[in-house]
Amino acid sequence: MKLAVYGTLRAGSKNTGVIKNSSLVYPGHESFPAVIQNERGSGTVVEVHDVSEEDLVRYDMYEGVTSGLYRRVKTKVNMDDGSKEKVWLYVAGDELMQRSNMFRVIQSGDWYNR
């Protein structure tokens, strides 16, 4: 299965694309980013990685899914090579959304170009 990563989990892979209708934001601090689903968003640059079920369980723990920090959703990525991929993506969960009045958009949508 495929996982799209956009921030601190990026590893410099060339397997990249853009998630439309999203915004990359700082959720009240600048330590790590979050993605929010946003129809007017400029998009988020992601790397797509192949992962196993076991990997996803570990990522869920790392991303604080049970505490509501992030939630994992299925979405589409428009890959740089013109193809489309269905991927898992971590987006801001309820805990981060409570800070939405403090979100600052990363205009480029790219963690590497912030």
Protein backbone atom coordinates (compact mmCIF):
# COMPACT_ATOMS: atom_id res chain seq x y z
CA MET A 1 0.00 0.00 0.00
CA LYS A 2 1.02 3.62 -0.44
CA LEU A 3 1.63 6.35 2.14
CA ALA A 4 2.09 10.01 1.21
CA VAL A 5 4.41 11.97 3.51
CA TYR A 6 4.96 15.71 3.43
CA GLY A 7 7.02 16.90 6.38
CA THR A 8 9.52 15.39 8.77
CA LEU A 9 8.97 11.91 7.28
CA ARG A 10 10.16 12.96 3.82
CA ALA A 11 13.42 11.29 2.87
CA GLY A 12 14.35 13.01 -0.38
CA SER A 13 12.69 10.47 -2.70
CA LYS A 14 12.00 11.51 -6.29
CA ASN A 15 8.64 9.67 -6.17
CA THR A 16 6.70 12.90 -5.60
CA GLY A 17 3.39 14.49 -6.40
CA VAL A 18 0.81 17.01 -5.21
CA ILE A 19 -2.34 16.54 -3.17
CA LYS A 20 -4.85 19.05 -4.52
CA ASN A 21 -7.44 20.75 -2.32
CA SER A 22 -5.15 20.83 0.69
CA SER A 23 -2.96 23.26 2.60
CA LEU A 24 0.30 22.61 4.40
CA VAL A 25 0.30 24.53 7.69
CA TYR A 26 2.21 25.11 10.86
CA PRO A 27 -0.31 24.11 13.56
CA GLY A 28 0.49 26.79 16.15
CA HIS A 29 4.26 26.22 16.13
CA GLU A 30 7.00 25.59 13.57
CA SER A 31 8.34 22.22 14.77
CA PHE A 32 6.38 20.06 12.34
CA PRO A 33 3.68 20.63 9.71
CA ALA A 34 0.16 19.36 9.23
CA VAL A 35 -2.09 19.04 6.20
CA ILE A 36 -5.63 20.29 6.27
CA GLN A 37 -8.13 19.36 3.61
CA ASN A 38 -9.14 22.65 2.03
CA GLU A 39 -10.92 23.06 -1.31
CA ARG A 40 -9.25 26.44 -1.82
CA GLY A 41 -5.81 25.21 -0.75
CA SER A 42 -2.89 25.51 -3.13
CA GLY A 43 -1.92 21.85 -2.68
CA THR A 44 0.69 19.92 -0.74
CA VAL A 45 3.87 18.37 -2.13
CA VAL A 46 4.32 14.77 -0.96
CA GLU A 47 6.59 11.78 -1.37
CA VAL A 48 4.86 8.45 -1.91
CA HIS A 49 6.30 5.43 -0.11
CA ASP A 50 5.37 1.76 -0.25
CA VAL A 51 4.50 0.56 3.26
CA SER A 52 3.17 -2.59 4.94
CA GLU A 53 0.26 -2.96 7.37
CA GLU A 54 2.81 -3.21 10.18
CA ASP A 55 4.42 0.04 9.03
CA LEU A 56 1.03 1.78 9.13
CA VAL A 57 0.44 0.62 12.70
CA ARG A 58 3.80 2.12 13.70
CA TYR A 59 3.08 5.34 11.79
CA ASP A 60 -0.34 5.60 13.46
CA MET A 61 1.39 5.46 16.84
CA TYR A 62 4.07 7.96 15.78
CA GLU A 63 1.45 10.41 14.41
CA GLY A 64 -0.71 10.22 17.56
CA VAL A 65 -3.81 8.91 15.81
CA THR A 66 -5.39 7.56 19.03
CA SER A 67 -4.88 10.90 20.81
CA GLY A 68 -6.45 12.84 17.92
CA LEU A 69 -3.28 14.66 16.88
CA TYR A 70 -3.57 13.34 13.31
CA ARG A 71 -5.98 11.09 11.46
CA ARG A 72 -5.24 8.84 8.52
CA VAL A 73 -7.39 9.26 5.40
CA LYS A 74 -7.42 7.87 1.85
CA THR A 75 -6.85 10.44 -0.87
CA LYS A 76 -5.47 10.88 -4.39
CA VAL A 77 -2.08 12.23 -5.38
CA ASN A 78 -1.34 13.74 -8.78
CA MET A 79 2.13 12.35 -9.36
CA ASP A 80 4.82 14.41 -11.08
CA ASP A 81 4.93 11.82 -13.91
CA GLY A 82 1.25 12.51 -14.72
CA SER A 83 -0.18 9.38 -13.06
CA LYS A 84 -2.58 9.35 -10.10
CA GLU A 85 -2.12 7.24 -6.96
CA LYS A 86 -4.51 6.39 -4.13
CA VAL A 87 -2.63 6.81 -0.88
CA TRP A 88 -2.96 7.04 2.85
CA LEU A 89 -2.27 10.52 4.23
CA TYR A 90 -2.07 11.90 7.76
CA VAL A 91 -4.11 15.09 8.13
CA ALA A 92 -4.67 17.30 11.15
CA GLY A 93 -6.85 15.51 13.69
CA ASP A 94 -9.29 17.01 16.18
CA GLU A 95 -6.51 17.89 18.64
CA LEU A 96 -4.64 19.97 16.06
CA MET A 97 -7.83 21.42 14.57
CA GLN A 98 -8.59 22.99 17.95
CA ARG A 99 -5.57 25.22 17.24
CA SER A 100 -6.85 26.23 13.79
CA ASN A 101 -6.97 29.91 14.73
CA MET A 102 -3.16 29.70 15.02
CA PHE A 103 -2.48 27.88 11.72
CA ARG A 104 0.02 29.58 9.43
CA VAL A 105 -0.05 28.38 5.83
CA ILE A 106 3.23 27.33 4.21
CA GLN A 107 2.57 29.12 0.93
CA SER A 108 4.71 26.86 -1.28
CA GLY A 109 2.92 23.72 -0.01
CA ASP A 110 6.39 22.15 0.13
CA TRP A 111 8.15 21.38 3.41
CA TYR A 112 11.50 21.51 1.59
CA ASN A 113 10.70 25.01 0.26
CA ARG A 114 9.36 26.76 3.30
